[in-house]
Amino acid sequence: MAIMDNAGEQDMTRFWQMLTELAEQTNQHKSFTATLHAQAGGVKKSAFDSQTGFVLRRFNMDKTKEEYDAELERMNAAMAAENQNLQYDNKQLNALIKEYETTLETVMNQFRHRAV
């Protein structure tokens, strides 16, 4: 049986405290991980529901099949129109960027010629 001196006892006590703190942190991390996992599952379910139209169906249970289909078609048409508008805006912005790059290249070429 080994006899510990005072310094050894202090080291052992400090070690035990650190080990206890690490165990507490590990438990907190496990709890946090479980919470994040649950939130990720909720987000995944919401994303799936939004892709399948389940959300629309869930909130429109009082409507007939025809009304539901008409509403779904209206939403699809609105999204298609918005998509076309965004594509047009994207083409315009790409043309503007190309024009900007061309102008910048011209300015830089003139600057290089004058610097020489």
Protein backbone atom coordinates (compact mmCIF):
# COMPACT_ATOMS: atom_id res chain seq x y z
CA MET A 1 0.00 0.00 0.00
CA ALA A 2 1.47 3.29 -1.08
CA ILE A 3 1.43 6.27 1.18
CA MET A 4 0.53 9.48 -0.62
CA ASP A 5 2.01 12.74 0.41
CA ASN A 6 0.01 15.97 0.49
CA ALA A 7 1.05 16.98 -3.06
CA GLY A 8 -0.03 13.61 -4.43
CA GLU A 9 -3.37 13.91 -2.70
CA GLN A 10 -3.89 17.39 -4.18
CA ASP A 11 -3.01 16.11 -7.63
CA MET A 12 -5.44 13.24 -7.25
CA THR A 13 -8.20 15.57 -6.04
CA ARG A 14 -7.53 17.95 -8.95
CA PHE A 15 -7.54 15.03 -11.38
CA TRP A 16 -10.84 13.79 -9.97
CA GLN A 17 -12.41 17.27 -10.28
CA MET A 18 -11.26 17.57 -13.88
CA LEU A 19 -12.62 14.11 -14.65
CA THR A 20 -15.96 15.06 -13.10
CA GLU A 21 -16.09 18.29 -15.15
CA LEU A 22 -15.32 16.37 -18.33
CA ALA A 23 -18.09 13.88 -17.57
CA GLU A 24 -20.55 16.75 -17.02
CA GLN A 25 -19.49 18.40 -20.28
CA THR A 26 -19.88 15.10 -22.10
CA ASN A 27 -23.40 14.73 -20.74
CA GLN A 28 -24.23 18.30 -21.80
CA HIS A 29 -22.84 17.61 -25.28
CA LYS A 30 -24.91 14.43 -25.54
CA SER A 31 -28.03 16.36 -24.57
CA PHE A 32 -27.23 19.14 -27.05
CA THR A 33 -26.55 16.58 -29.78
CA ALA A 34 -29.89 14.90 -29.13
CA THR A 35 -31.64 18.28 -29.35
CA LEU A 36 -29.88 19.11 -32.62
CA HIS A 37 -30.75 15.69 -34.01
CA ALA A 38 -34.42 16.22 -33.16
CA GLN A 39 -34.38 19.68 -34.75
CA ALA A 40 -32.74 18.29 -37.88
CA GLY A 41 -35.45 15.65 -38.09
CA GLY A 42 -38.11 18.36 -37.84
CA VAL A 43 -36.46 20.40 -40.58
CA LYS A 44 -36.13 17.31 -42.76
CA LYS A 45 -39.83 16.55 -42.29
CA SER A 46 -40.79 20.14 -43.10
CA ALA A 47 -38.68 20.06 -46.25
CA PHE A 48 -40.26 16.78 -47.33
CA ASP A 49 -43.76 18.08 -46.60
CA SER A 50 -43.17 21.25 -48.59
CA GLN A 51 -41.98 19.23 -51.59
CA THR A 52 -44.92 16.85 -51.56
CA GLY A 53 -47.65 19.43 -51.02
CA PHE A 54 -48.61 17.73 -47.77
CA VAL A 55 -48.67 21.08 -45.96
CA LEU A 56 -51.27 22.46 -48.35
CA ARG A 57 -53.35 19.31 -47.99
CA ARG A 58 -53.07 19.34 -44.20
CA PHE A 59 -54.42 22.89 -43.89
CA ASN A 60 -57.13 22.48 -46.52
CA MET A 61 -58.90 19.38 -45.31
CA ASP A 62 -62.24 21.22 -45.47
CA LYS A 63 -61.93 21.77 -49.24
CA THR A 64 -63.13 19.37 -51.87
CA LYS A 65 -60.70 17.54 -54.12
CA GLU A 66 -61.55 19.90 -57.00
CA GLU A 67 -60.97 23.01 -54.88
CA TYR A 68 -57.72 21.58 -53.59
CA ASP A 69 -56.53 20.73 -57.11
CA ALA A 70 -57.51 24.20 -58.34
CA GLU A 71 -55.57 25.82 -55.49
CA LEU A 72 -52.60 23.59 -56.21
CA GLU A 73 -52.69 24.53 -59.91
CA ARG A 74 -52.91 28.21 -58.97
CA MET A 75 -49.88 27.86 -56.71
CA ASN A 76 -47.96 26.01 -59.43
CA ALA A 77 -48.83 28.69 -61.99
CA ALA A 78 -47.74 31.44 -59.59
CA MET A 79 -44.45 29.65 -58.92
CA ALA A 80 -43.86 29.11 -62.64
CA ALA A 81 -44.47 32.81 -63.34
CA GLU A 82 -42.14 33.80 -60.50
CA ASN A 83 -39.54 31.37 -61.83
CA GLN A 84 -39.75 32.94 -65.30
CA ASN A 85 -39.37 36.42 -63.80
CA LEU A 86 -36.34 35.30 -61.83
CA GLN A 87 -34.79 33.70 -64.91
CA TYR A 88 -35.31 36.92 -66.87
CA ASP A 89 -33.76 38.96 -64.05
CA ASN A 90 -30.87 36.51 -63.92
CA LYS A 91 -30.23 36.90 -67.67
CA GLN A 92 -30.31 40.69 -67.34
CA LEU A 93 -27.89 40.62 -64.43
CA ASN A 94 -25.54 38.26 -66.27
CA ALA A 95 -25.52 40.63 -69.25
CA LEU A 96 -24.81 43.54 -66.93
CA ILE A 97 -21.94 41.64 -65.31
CA LYS A 98 -20.49 40.77 -68.71
CA GLU A 99 -20.69 44.44 -69.74
CA TYR A 100 -19.04 45.48 -66.47
CA GLU A 101 -16.23 42.94 -66.97
CA THR A 102 -15.65 44.17 -70.54
CA THR A 103 -15.54 47.80 -69.44
CA LEU A 104 -13.21 46.98 -66.56
CA GLU A 105 -10.90 45.04 -68.88
CA THR A 106 -10.80 48.03 -71.29
CA VAL A 107 -9.97 50.42 -68.47
CA MET A 108 -7.26 48.12 -67.13
CA ASN A 109 -5.71 47.74 -70.60
CA GLN A 110 -5.58 51.53 -71.00
CA PHE A 111 -4.10 51.84 -67.52
CA ARG A 112 -1.40 49.24 -68.36
CA HIS A 113 -0.52 51.02 -71.62
CA ARG A 114 -0.15 54.36 -69.85
CA ALA A 115 1.87 52.81 -67.03
CA VAL A 116 4.45 51.48 -69.50
